C-alpha atoms as a PDB file:
ATOM      1  CA  MET A   1      28.131 -20.179 -22.367  1.00  0.00           C
ATOM      2  CA  LYS A   2      31.386 -19.068 -24.450  1.00  0.00           C
ATOM      3  CA  ILE A   3      30.656 -15.933 -25.905  1.00  0.00           C
ATOM      4  CA  GLU A   4      32.819 -13.061 -28.479  1.00  0.00           C
ATOM      5  CA  SER A   5      32.423  -9.648 -29.345  1.00  0.00           C
ATOM      6  CA  ASP A   6      35.193  -7.840 -31.698  1.00  0.00           C
ATOM      7  CA  PHE A   7      35.509  -3.831 -30.896  1.00  0.00           C
ATOM      8  CA  SER A   8      37.808  -1.179 -31.091  1.00  0.00           C
ATOM      9  CA  VAL A   9      37.728   3.229 -30.009  1.00  0.00           C
ATOM     10  CA  SER A  10      37.799   5.640 -31.712  1.00  0.00           C
ATOM     11  CA  GLN A  11      40.675   7.918 -31.210  1.00  0.00           C
ATOM     12  CA  GLU A  12      37.743  10.131 -31.239  1.00  0.00           C
ATOM     13  CA  HIS A  13      36.098   9.097 -27.907  1.00  0.00           C
ATOM     14  CA  PRO A  14      36.041  12.302 -25.648  1.00  0.00           C
ATOM     15  CA  CYS A  15      38.381  10.001 -23.040  1.00  0.00           C
ATOM     16  CA  LEU A  16      41.118   9.846 -24.802  1.00  0.00           C
ATOM     17  CA  PRO A  17      42.792  13.121 -24.324  1.00  0.00           C
ATOM     18  CA  GLY A  18      43.243  13.332 -21.500  1.00  0.00           C
ATOM     19  CA  HIS A  19      44.434   9.437 -21.228  1.00  0.00           C
ATOM     20  CA  PHE A  20      48.072  10.490 -23.106  1.00  0.00           C
ATOM     21  CA  PRO A  21      47.451  13.213 -25.583  1.00  0.00           C
ATOM     22  CA  SER A  22      50.690  12.046 -27.251  1.00  0.00           C
ATOM     23  CA  GLU A  23      49.666   8.578 -27.898  1.00  0.00           C
ATOM     24  CA  PRO A  24      45.873   8.123 -26.888  1.00  0.00           C
ATOM     25  CA  ILE A  25      45.493   4.112 -24.492  1.00  0.00           C
ATOM     26  CA  VAL A  26      41.753   3.401 -23.899  1.00  0.00           C
ATOM     27  CA  PRO A  27      41.435   3.893 -20.509  1.00  0.00           C
ATOM     28  CA  ALA A  28      40.625   0.371 -18.465  1.00  0.00           C
ATOM     29  CA  VAL A  29      37.593   1.525 -17.561  1.00  0.00           C
ATOM     30  CA  LEU A  30      36.522   1.384 -20.851  1.00  0.00           C
ATOM     31  CA  LEU A  31      37.501  -2.067 -21.358  1.00  0.00           C
ATOM     32  CA  LEU A  32      35.445  -2.997 -18.594  1.00  0.00           C
ATOM     33  CA  ASP A  33      32.798  -1.342 -20.169  1.00  0.00           C
ATOM     34  CA  MET A  34      33.301  -3.509 -23.198  1.00  0.00           C
ATOM     35  CA  LEU A  35      32.460  -6.286 -20.872  1.00  0.00           C
ATOM     36  CA  GLN A  36      29.108  -5.269 -20.524  1.00  0.00           C
ATOM     37  CA  SER A  37      28.136  -3.969 -23.542  1.00  0.00           C
ATOM     38  CA  CYS A  38      29.618  -8.289 -25.278  1.00  0.00           C
ATOM     39  CA  LEU A  39      27.755  -9.670 -22.263  1.00  0.00           C
ATOM     40  CA  GLY A  40      24.688  -7.406 -22.694  1.00  0.00           C
ATOM     41  CA  GLU A  41      24.606  -8.266 -26.516  1.00  0.00           C
ATOM     42  CA  HIS A  42      23.806 -11.939 -25.544  1.00  0.00           C
ATOM     43  CA  ILE A  43      22.092 -12.409 -22.794  1.00  0.00           C
ATOM     44  CA  HIS A  44      19.395 -10.138 -22.134  1.00  0.00           C
ATOM     45  CA  ASP A  45      18.764  -7.337 -19.422  1.00  0.00           C
ATOM     46  CA  ALA A  46      22.315  -9.387 -17.937  1.00  0.00           C
ATOM     47  CA  TYR A  47      24.791  -6.642 -16.426  1.00  0.00           C
ATOM     48  CA  ILE A  48      27.622  -6.725 -14.231  1.00  0.00           C
ATOM     49  CA  HIS A  49      27.584  -5.740 -10.390  1.00  0.00           C
ATOM     50  CA  THR A  50      31.111  -6.770  -9.511  1.00  0.00           C
ATOM     51  CA  ILE A  51      34.506  -7.065 -10.383  1.00  0.00           C
ATOM     52  CA  VAL A  52      36.031 -10.094  -8.734  1.00  0.00           C
ATOM     53  CA  ARG A  53      39.236  -9.819 -10.412  1.00  0.00           C
ATOM     54  CA  ALA A  54      41.358  -8.146 -13.189  1.00  0.00           C
ATOM     55  CA  LYS A  55      44.772  -7.177 -14.397  1.00  0.00           C
ATOM     56  CA  PHE A  56      45.858  -5.654 -17.544  1.00  0.00           C
ATOM     57  CA  LEU A  57      48.941  -6.421 -18.661  1.00  0.00           C
ATOM     58  CA  GLN A  58      49.091  -4.231 -21.992  1.00  0.00           C
ATOM     59  CA  PRO A  59      47.476  -1.059 -23.385  1.00  0.00           C
ATOM     60  CA  LEU A  60      45.451  -1.004 -26.046  1.00  0.00           C
ATOM     61  CA  LYS A  61      45.637   2.149 -28.112  1.00  0.00           C
ATOM     62  CA  ALA A  62      43.374   3.817 -29.561  1.00  0.00           C
ATOM     63  CA  ASN A  63      41.723   2.383 -33.310  1.00  0.00           C
ATOM     64  CA  THR A  64      43.253  -0.996 -32.685  1.00  0.00           C
ATOM     65  CA  GLN A  65      40.710  -3.397 -33.009  1.00  0.00           C
ATOM     66  CA  ALA A  66      40.730  -6.245 -30.230  1.00  0.00           C
ATOM     67  CA  ARG A  67      38.481  -9.538 -29.031  1.00  0.00           C
ATOM     68  CA  VAL A  68      36.822  -9.875 -25.795  1.00  0.00           C
ATOM     69  CA  LYS A  69      36.301 -13.295 -25.110  1.00  0.00           C
ATOM     70  CA  LEU A  70      33.980 -14.092 -21.964  1.00  0.00           C
ATOM     71  CA  CYS A  71      33.187 -17.598 -20.437  1.00  0.00           C
ATOM     72  CA  LEU A  72      29.356 -17.356 -18.505  1.00  0.00           C
ATOM     73  CA  SER A  73      28.052 -20.128 -15.877  1.00  0.00           C
ATOM     74  CA  ASP A  74      25.998 -19.446 -12.952  1.00  0.00           C
ATOM     75  CA  GLU A  75      26.417 -15.764 -13.425  1.00  0.00           C
ATOM     76  CA  GLN A  76      29.964 -15.708 -12.579  1.00  0.00           C
ATOM     77  CA  GLY A  77      32.678 -15.594 -15.945  1.00  0.00           C
ATOM     78  CA  SER A  78      35.530 -15.017 -17.025  1.00  0.00           C
ATOM     79  CA  PHE A  79      37.331 -12.507 -19.786  1.00  0.00           C
ATOM     80  CA  VAL A  80      40.170 -11.922 -21.809  1.00  0.00           C
ATOM     81  CA  ILE A  81      40.878  -9.426 -24.356  1.00  0.00           C
ATOM     82  CA  TYR A  82      43.535 -10.115 -27.068  1.00  0.00           C
ATOM     83  CA  ASN A  83      44.502  -8.158 -29.853  1.00  0.00           C
ATOM     84  CA  LYS A  84      44.703  -8.891 -33.624  1.00  0.00           C
ATOM     85  CA  GLN A  85      48.055 -11.238 -32.555  1.00  0.00           C
ATOM     86  CA  GLN A  86      46.456 -12.918 -29.924  1.00  0.00           C
ATOM     87  CA  GLU A  87      48.489 -11.659 -26.618  1.00  0.00           C
ATOM     88  CA  GLU A  88      46.102 -10.803 -23.623  1.00  0.00           C
ATOM     89  CA  LEU A  89      46.131  -7.335 -22.822  1.00  0.00           C
ATOM     90  CA  ALA A  90      43.418  -7.994 -19.973  1.00  0.00           C
ATOM     91  CA  LYS A  91      41.686 -10.970 -17.826  1.00  0.00           C
ATOM     92  CA  GLY A  92      39.992 -11.417 -15.244  1.00  0.00           C
ATOM     93  CA  ARG A  93      36.778 -12.496 -13.350  1.00  0.00           C
ATOM     94  CA  PHE A  94      33.400 -11.025 -12.639  1.00  0.00           C
ATOM     95  CA  LYS A  95      29.756 -11.293 -11.574  1.00  0.00           C
ATOM     96  CA  TYR A  96      26.822 -10.887 -13.390  1.00  0.00           C
ATOM     97  CA  GLN A  97      23.071 -11.566 -12.776  1.00  0.00           C
ATOM     98  CA  GLN A  98      19.859 -11.357 -15.002  1.00  0.00           C
ATOM     99  CA  GLY A  99      17.202  -8.462 -14.896  1.00  0.00           C
ATOM    100  CA  SER A 100      17.345  -4.566 -13.327  1.00  0.00           C
ATOM    101  CA  ALA A 101      19.944  -2.747 -11.576  1.00  0.00           C
ATOM    102  CA  ASN A 102      17.609  -2.098  -8.996  1.00  0.00           C
ATOM    103  CA  ASP A 103      16.106  -4.489  -8.199  1.00  0.00           C
END
C-alpha cells in the first residue's frame, strides 16, 4: 500500500526557536512524527514501533511545504520525505503494527 501526505511546520512551533534561532529548521524528531501522523490517518490504530533506518539528507525550513510518502507491506514500511522541488530530505525504513501501544 502506498500513501502520501503533505505537511509543513509553522515557524511558531514551540521547538523551532531553539533549533537554530536565526534560521529555524525542522528537527528530525518532528519529521519522524509526520510519518506517524500519515500512517495513523490512513490505518486506524497503527503506530510505528521501530525505526529500522533513517537518513536525513537536507534540512527542512519552517513554513516550507513537504510531502511524506509511505510504502507499506506486512507491518513494515519505507518512507521518503520530499520538498516541493522533489528533492529527498529524508528516507528510511520502519516497522509498525495495529492496536494499542500498551498491548
